[in-house]
Amino acid sequence: MTLYEHKKQDAWSPGRAVDFTVVQASGADDPRASDAGRALMNFVHERTGGGARLLKRSDFSPMDIKPYLTNIMILDMICDDKGAVLDGVIRLMGSNVAAYYGEFTGKLISEHASEAGERFVASAQAVIDANGPSIGRSDQSIPDGERLSVKTCWIPISDAGGAITQVLGHIQLFNYAGEPLPSL
């Protein structure tokens, strides 16, 4: 059982998923990813010698991914000794992501009351299991009854020794017609 499951509150908050999947990306041009997700995977592909190694934090600066910063999260993963993701610390949360989920920069994923935290942990685990990018999708509703689709792209970030210690996530909201929602 993850730390998230131990700390989960019963209160409802935005982000209740109707359906959620996360899968290994088939490549930098995986059509299941959002346009921005594919652009980020291609950026990583170029920075890592065609995917020959994992991305390191020293491989990029925020200016390199400026067009995507509002929809970005960087998570420091907390894993057990077998590599299972237990929780994570949100190091960076873009303004669009924070506007939808609430501001959680510097907090544990387990402090988020909705199912979104569970999806973040599952997505981080998928990155570790694949040893590469993963793509997620969930269909959600918000309190006023509007239904949204969320596409995510999760990219592993390794330390100098090659161990995955962080995940770079791009989160994009879409209406059910498949159109990206404007910045919040």
C-alpha atoms as a PDB file:
ATOM      1  CA  MET A   1       0.000   0.000   0.000  1.00  0.00           C
ATOM      2  CA  THR A   2       1.396   3.409  -0.976  1.00  0.00           C
ATOM      3  CA  LEU A   3       1.781   6.379   1.329  1.00  0.00           C
ATOM      4  CA  TYR A   4      -0.859   8.000  -0.839  1.00  0.00           C
ATOM      5  CA  GLU A   5      -3.397   5.327   0.038  1.00  0.00           C
ATOM      6  CA  HIS A   6      -2.590   5.708   3.737  1.00  0.00           C
ATOM      7  CA  LYS A   7      -3.030   9.479   3.722  1.00  0.00           C
ATOM      8  CA  LYS A   8      -5.909   9.795   1.246  1.00  0.00           C
ATOM      9  CA  GLN A   9      -8.718  11.983   2.476  1.00  0.00           C
ATOM     10  CA  ASP A  10     -12.371  11.251   1.828  1.00  0.00           C
ATOM     11  CA  ALA A  11     -13.077  14.832   0.684  1.00  0.00           C
ATOM     12  CA  TRP A  12     -14.017  15.286  -2.982  1.00  0.00           C
ATOM     13  CA  SER A  13     -11.914  17.621  -5.054  1.00  0.00           C
ATOM     14  CA  PRO A  14     -11.424  18.272  -8.789  1.00  0.00           C
ATOM     15  CA  GLY A  15      -9.907  15.455 -10.750  1.00  0.00           C
ATOM     16  CA  ARG A  16     -12.281  12.523 -10.155  1.00  0.00           C
ATOM     17  CA  ALA A  17     -11.481  10.107 -12.965  1.00  0.00           C
ATOM     18  CA  VAL A  18     -14.109   8.179 -14.826  1.00  0.00           C
ATOM     19  CA  ASP A  19     -11.503   6.225 -16.774  1.00  0.00           C
ATOM     20  CA  PHE A  20      -7.697   6.134 -16.529  1.00  0.00           C
ATOM     21  CA  THR A  21      -4.975   4.366 -18.493  1.00  0.00           C
ATOM     22  CA  VAL A  22      -1.203   4.746 -18.616  1.00  0.00           C
ATOM     23  CA  VAL A  23       0.977   2.885 -21.108  1.00  0.00           C
ATOM     24  CA  GLN A  24       4.547   2.844 -22.344  1.00  0.00           C
ATOM     25  CA  ALA A  25       5.081   5.304 -25.196  1.00  0.00           C
ATOM     26  CA  SER A  26       5.774   3.551 -28.490  1.00  0.00           C
ATOM     27  CA  GLY A  27       8.267   6.250 -29.451  1.00  0.00           C
ATOM     28  CA  ALA A  28       8.751   9.993 -29.645  1.00  0.00           C
ATOM     29  CA  ASP A  29       5.951  10.269 -32.221  1.00  0.00           C
ATOM     30  CA  ASP A  30       3.383   8.133 -30.376  1.00  0.00           C
ATOM     31  CA  PRO A  31       0.004   9.313 -31.747  1.00  0.00           C
ATOM     32  CA  ARG A  32      -1.687   8.743 -28.372  1.00  0.00           C
ATOM     33  CA  ALA A  33       0.272  11.668 -26.884  1.00  0.00           C
ATOM     34  CA  SER A  34      -0.852  15.260 -27.174  1.00  0.00           C
ATOM     35  CA  ASP A  35       0.969  17.443 -29.706  1.00  0.00           C
ATOM     36  CA  ALA A  36       2.929  19.019 -26.846  1.00  0.00           C
ATOM     37  CA  GLY A  37       3.698  15.572 -25.385  1.00  0.00           C
ATOM     38  CA  ARG A  38       5.136  14.452 -28.723  1.00  0.00           C
ATOM     39  CA  ALA A  39       7.153  17.675 -28.972  1.00  0.00           C
ATOM     40  CA  LEU A  40       8.628  17.048 -25.510  1.00  0.00           C
ATOM     41  CA  MET A  41       9.435  13.420 -26.328  1.00  0.00           C
ATOM     42  CA  ASN A  42      11.174  14.563 -29.531  1.00  0.00           C
ATOM     43  CA  PHE A  43      13.118  17.181 -27.544  1.00  0.00           C
ATOM     44  CA  VAL A  44      14.245  14.459 -25.113  1.00  0.00           C
ATOM     45  CA  HIS A  45      15.074  12.125 -28.009  1.00  0.00           C
ATOM     46  CA  GLU A  46      17.411  14.791 -29.450  1.00  0.00           C
ATOM     47  CA  ARG A  47      19.006  15.579 -26.062  1.00  0.00           C
ATOM     48  CA  THR A  48      19.708  11.941 -25.243  1.00  0.00           C
ATOM     49  CA  GLY A  49      21.468  10.860 -28.421  1.00  0.00           C
ATOM     50  CA  GLY A  50      18.381   9.445 -30.079  1.00  0.00           C
ATOM     51  CA  GLY A  51      17.161   7.868 -26.866  1.00  0.00           C
ATOM     52  CA  ALA A  52      20.438   6.047 -26.218  1.00  0.00           C
ATOM     53  CA  ARG A  53      20.304   7.095 -22.555  1.00  0.00           C
ATOM     54  CA  LEU A  54      17.872   8.575 -20.080  1.00  0.00           C
ATOM     55  CA  LEU A  55      17.397  12.319 -19.749  1.00  0.00           C
ATOM     56  CA  LYS A  56      19.363  13.971 -16.946  1.00  0.00           C
ATOM     57  CA  ARG A  57      18.292  17.177 -15.245  1.00  0.00           C
ATOM     58  CA  SER A  58      21.509  18.787 -16.510  1.00  0.00           C
ATOM     59  CA  ASP A  59      20.359  18.117 -20.109  1.00  0.00           C
ATOM     60  CA  PHE A  60      17.827  20.933 -20.095  1.00  0.00           C
ATOM     61  CA  SER A  61      16.893  24.235 -18.521  1.00  0.00           C
ATOM     62  CA  PRO A  62      13.409  25.683 -18.057  1.00  0.00           C
ATOM     63  CA  MET A  63      14.084  27.986 -21.026  1.00  0.00           C
ATOM     64  CA  ASP A  64      14.444  24.914 -23.264  1.00  0.00           C
ATOM     65  CA  ILE A  65      10.868  23.884 -22.514  1.00  0.00           C
ATOM     66  CA  LYS A  66       9.377  27.356 -22.021  1.00  0.00           C
ATOM     67  CA  PRO A  67       6.364  26.824 -24.342  1.00  0.00           C
ATOM     68  CA  TYR A  68       5.262  23.902 -22.128  1.00  0.00           C
ATOM     69  CA  LEU A  69       6.033  25.217 -18.628  1.00  0.00           C
ATOM     70  CA  THR A  70       2.420  26.083 -17.760  1.00  0.00           C
ATOM     71  CA  ASN A  71       1.450  22.419 -18.210  1.00  0.00           C
ATOM     72  CA  ILE A  72       4.530  20.801 -16.616  1.00  0.00           C
ATOM     73  CA  MET A  73       5.166  18.931 -13.379  1.00  0.00           C
ATOM     74  CA  ILE A  74       8.465  17.633 -12.081  1.00  0.00           C
ATOM     75  CA  LEU A  75       8.140  14.957  -9.412  1.00  0.00           C
ATOM     76  CA  ASP A  76      10.889  13.676  -7.105  1.00  0.00           C
ATOM     77  CA  MET A  77       9.957  10.047  -6.622  1.00  0.00           C
ATOM     78  CA  ILE A  78       9.946   8.249  -3.290  1.00  0.00           C
ATOM     79  CA  CYS A  79      10.451   4.533  -3.925  1.00  0.00           C
ATOM     80  CA  ASP A  80      10.870   1.468  -1.761  1.00  0.00           C
ATOM     81  CA  ASP A  81      13.981  -0.702  -2.009  1.00  0.00           C
ATOM     82  CA  LYS A  82      12.386  -2.751  -4.825  1.00  0.00           C
ATOM     83  CA  GLY A  83      11.687   0.297  -6.998  1.00  0.00           C
ATOM     84  CA  ALA A  84       7.971   0.635  -6.310  1.00  0.00           C
ATOM     85  CA  VAL A  85       6.840   4.254  -6.274  1.00  0.00           C
ATOM     86  CA  LEU A  86       5.323   5.025  -2.879  1.00  0.00           C
ATOM     87  CA  ASP A  87       4.854   8.779  -3.174  1.00  0.00           C
ATOM     88  CA  GLY A  88       6.616  11.805  -4.577  1.00  0.00           C
ATOM     89  CA  VAL A  89       7.404  15.437  -3.935  1.00  0.00           C
ATOM     90  CA  ILE A  90       6.119  17.901  -6.505  1.00  0.00           C
ATOM     91  CA  ARG A  91       9.170  20.057  -7.329  1.00  0.00           C
ATOM     92  CA  LEU A  92       7.556  22.153 -10.029  1.00  0.00           C
ATOM     93  CA  MET A  93       3.926  22.639 -10.958  1.00  0.00           C
ATOM     94  CA  GLY A  94       2.988  24.770 -13.965  1.00  0.00           C
ATOM     95  CA  SER A  95       0.306  27.421 -13.608  1.00  0.00           C
ATOM     96  CA  ASN A  96      -2.304  25.603 -15.735  1.00  0.00           C
ATOM     97  CA  VAL A  97      -1.800  22.375 -13.787  1.00  0.00           C
ATOM     98  CA  ALA A  98      -2.009  24.265 -10.480  1.00  0.00           C
ATOM     99  CA  ALA A  99      -5.143  26.108 -11.621  1.00  0.00           C
ATOM    100  CA  TYR A 100      -6.918  22.788 -12.169  1.00  0.00           C
ATOM    101  CA  TYR A 101      -5.516  20.561  -9.404  1.00  0.00           C
ATOM    102  CA  GLY A 102      -4.542  23.213  -6.854  1.00  0.00           C
ATOM    103  CA  GLU A 103      -1.042  24.438  -5.996  1.00  0.00           C
ATOM    104  CA  PHE A 104       1.066  21.591  -4.614  1.00  0.00           C
ATOM    105  CA  THR A 105       4.628  22.675  -5.378  1.00  0.00           C
ATOM    106  CA  GLY A 106       6.868  21.403  -2.581  1.00  0.00           C
ATOM    107  CA  LYS A 107       4.213  19.022  -1.235  1.00  0.00           C
ATOM    108  CA  LEU A 108       3.834  15.277  -1.297  1.00  0.00           C
ATOM    109  CA  ILE A 109       1.560  13.734  -3.902  1.00  0.00           C
ATOM    110  CA  SER A 110      -0.210  12.012  -1.006  1.00  0.00           C
ATOM    111  CA  GLU A 111      -1.360  15.408   0.261  1.00  0.00           C
ATOM    112  CA  HIS A 112      -3.702  15.735  -2.742  1.00  0.00           C
ATOM    113  CA  ALA A 113      -7.191  14.608  -1.780  1.00  0.00           C
ATOM    114  CA  SER A 114      -8.401  13.485  -5.210  1.00  0.00           C
ATOM    115  CA  GLU A 115      -7.663  10.440  -7.312  1.00  0.00           C
ATOM    116  CA  ALA A 116      -5.203  12.601  -9.251  1.00  0.00           C
ATOM    117  CA  GLY A 117      -2.484  11.670  -6.761  1.00  0.00           C
ATOM    118  CA  GLU A 118      -3.080   7.991  -7.426  1.00  0.00           C
ATOM    119  CA  ARG A 119      -2.786   8.637 -11.166  1.00  0.00           C
ATOM    120  CA  PHE A 120       0.486  10.554 -10.678  1.00  0.00           C
ATOM    121  CA  VAL A 121       1.944   7.645  -8.663  1.00  0.00           C
ATOM    122  CA  ALA A 122       0.758   5.088 -11.251  1.00  0.00           C
ATOM    123  CA  SER A 123       2.237   7.199 -14.058  1.00  0.00           C
ATOM    124  CA  ALA A 124       5.590   7.493 -12.274  1.00  0.00           C
ATOM    125  CA  GLN A 125       5.599   3.723 -11.753  1.00  0.00           C
ATOM    126  CA  ALA A 126       4.882   3.190 -15.460  1.00  0.00           C
ATOM    127  CA  VAL A 127       7.970   5.272 -16.317  1.00  0.00           C
ATOM    128  CA  ILE A 128      10.141   3.138 -14.038  1.00  0.00           C
ATOM    129  CA  ASP A 129       8.645  -0.109 -15.374  1.00  0.00           C
ATOM    130  CA  ALA A 130       9.174   0.980 -18.999  1.00  0.00           C
ATOM    131  CA  ASN A 131      12.541   2.642 -18.300  1.00  0.00           C
ATOM    132  CA  GLY A 132      11.262   5.314 -20.666  1.00  0.00           C
ATOM    133  CA  PRO A 133       8.351   7.651 -21.401  1.00  0.00           C
ATOM    134  CA  SER A 134       4.752   6.750 -20.696  1.00  0.00           C
ATOM    135  CA  ILE A 135       1.494   8.258 -21.852  1.00  0.00           C
ATOM    136  CA  GLY A 136      -1.647   8.555 -19.781  1.00  0.00           C
ATOM    137  CA  ARG A 137      -5.235   9.493 -20.397  1.00  0.00           C
ATOM    138  CA  SER A 138      -8.138  10.003 -18.066  1.00  0.00           C
ATOM    139  CA  ASP A 139     -11.668  11.217 -18.482  1.00  0.00           C
ATOM    140  CA  GLN A 140     -12.763  13.426 -15.621  1.00  0.00           C
ATOM    141  CA  SER A 141     -15.590  15.596 -14.445  1.00  0.00           C
ATOM    142  CA  ILE A 142     -15.388  18.776 -12.433  1.00  0.00           C
ATOM    143  CA  PRO A 143     -17.892  20.043  -9.849  1.00  0.00           C
ATOM    144  CA  ASP A 144     -20.083  21.987 -12.311  1.00  0.00           C
ATOM    145  CA  GLY A 145     -20.597  18.789 -14.302  1.00  0.00           C
ATOM    146  CA  GLU A 146     -18.291  19.587 -17.230  1.00  0.00           C
ATOM    147  CA  ARG A 147     -16.412  16.537 -18.432  1.00  0.00           C
ATOM    148  CA  LEU A 148     -12.809  16.731 -19.554  1.00  0.00           C
ATOM    149  CA  SER A 149     -10.194  14.511 -21.050  1.00  0.00           C
ATOM    150  CA  VAL A 150      -6.643  14.734 -19.727  1.00  0.00           C
ATOM    151  CA  LYS A 151      -3.637  13.537 -21.739  1.00  0.00           C
ATOM    152  CA  THR A 152      -0.326  13.171 -19.969  1.00  0.00           C
ATOM    153  CA  CYS A 153       3.205  12.452 -21.078  1.00  0.00           C
ATOM    154  CA  TRP A 154       5.685  11.297 -18.427  1.00  0.00           C
ATOM    155  CA  ILE A 155       9.433  11.332 -19.083  1.00  0.00           C
ATOM    156  CA  PRO A 156      12.014   9.803 -16.733  1.00  0.00           C
ATOM    157  CA  ILE A 157      14.874  11.935 -15.430  1.00  0.00           C
ATOM    158  CA  SER A 158      17.903  10.059 -14.157  1.00  0.00           C
ATOM    159  CA  ASP A 159      20.666  10.940 -11.740  1.00  0.00           C
ATOM    160  CA  ALA A 160      24.361  10.776 -12.701  1.00  0.00           C
ATOM    161  CA  GLY A 161      24.358   7.027 -12.008  1.00  0.00           C
ATOM    162  CA  GLY A 162      21.445   6.349 -14.373  1.00  0.00           C
ATOM    163  CA  ALA A 163      18.771   5.703 -11.713  1.00  0.00           C
ATOM    164  CA  ILE A 164      15.389   7.294 -12.390  1.00  0.00           C
ATOM    165  CA  THR A 165      14.834   9.770  -9.564  1.00  0.00           C
ATOM    166  CA  GLN A 166      12.452  12.288 -11.120  1.00  0.00           C
ATOM    167  CA  VAL A 167       9.660  12.383 -13.655  1.00  0.00           C
ATOM    168  CA  LEU A 168       8.904  15.268 -15.999  1.00  0.00           C
ATOM    169  CA  GLY A 169       5.190  15.303 -16.734  1.00  0.00           C
ATOM    170  CA  HIS A 170       3.191  17.267 -19.281  1.00  0.00           C
ATOM    171  CA  ILE A 171      -0.518  17.495 -18.445  1.00  0.00           C
ATOM    172  CA  GLN A 172      -2.967  18.819 -21.048  1.00  0.00           C
ATOM    173  CA  LEU A 173      -6.714  19.275 -20.589  1.00  0.00           C
ATOM    174  CA  PHE A 174      -9.120  18.760 -23.496  1.00  0.00           C
ATOM    175  CA  ASN A 175     -12.871  19.122 -23.869  1.00  0.00           C
ATOM    176  CA  TYR A 176     -14.740  16.029 -25.038  1.00  0.00           C
ATOM    177  CA  ALA A 177     -14.611  17.297 -28.615  1.00  0.00           C
ATOM    178  CA  GLY A 178     -10.836  16.821 -28.357  1.00  0.00           C
ATOM    179  CA  GLU A 179      -9.958  20.519 -28.383  1.00  0.00           C
ATOM    180  CA  PRO A 180      -7.246  21.706 -25.968  1.00  0.00           C
ATOM    181  CA  LEU A 181      -8.641  23.909 -23.244  1.00  0.00           C
ATOM    182  CA  PRO A 182      -7.274  27.441 -23.090  1.00  0.00           C
ATOM    183  CA  SER A 183      -4.915  28.437 -20.299  1.00  0.00           C
ATOM    184  CA  LEU A 184      -6.720  28.846 -17.000  1.00  0.00           C
END
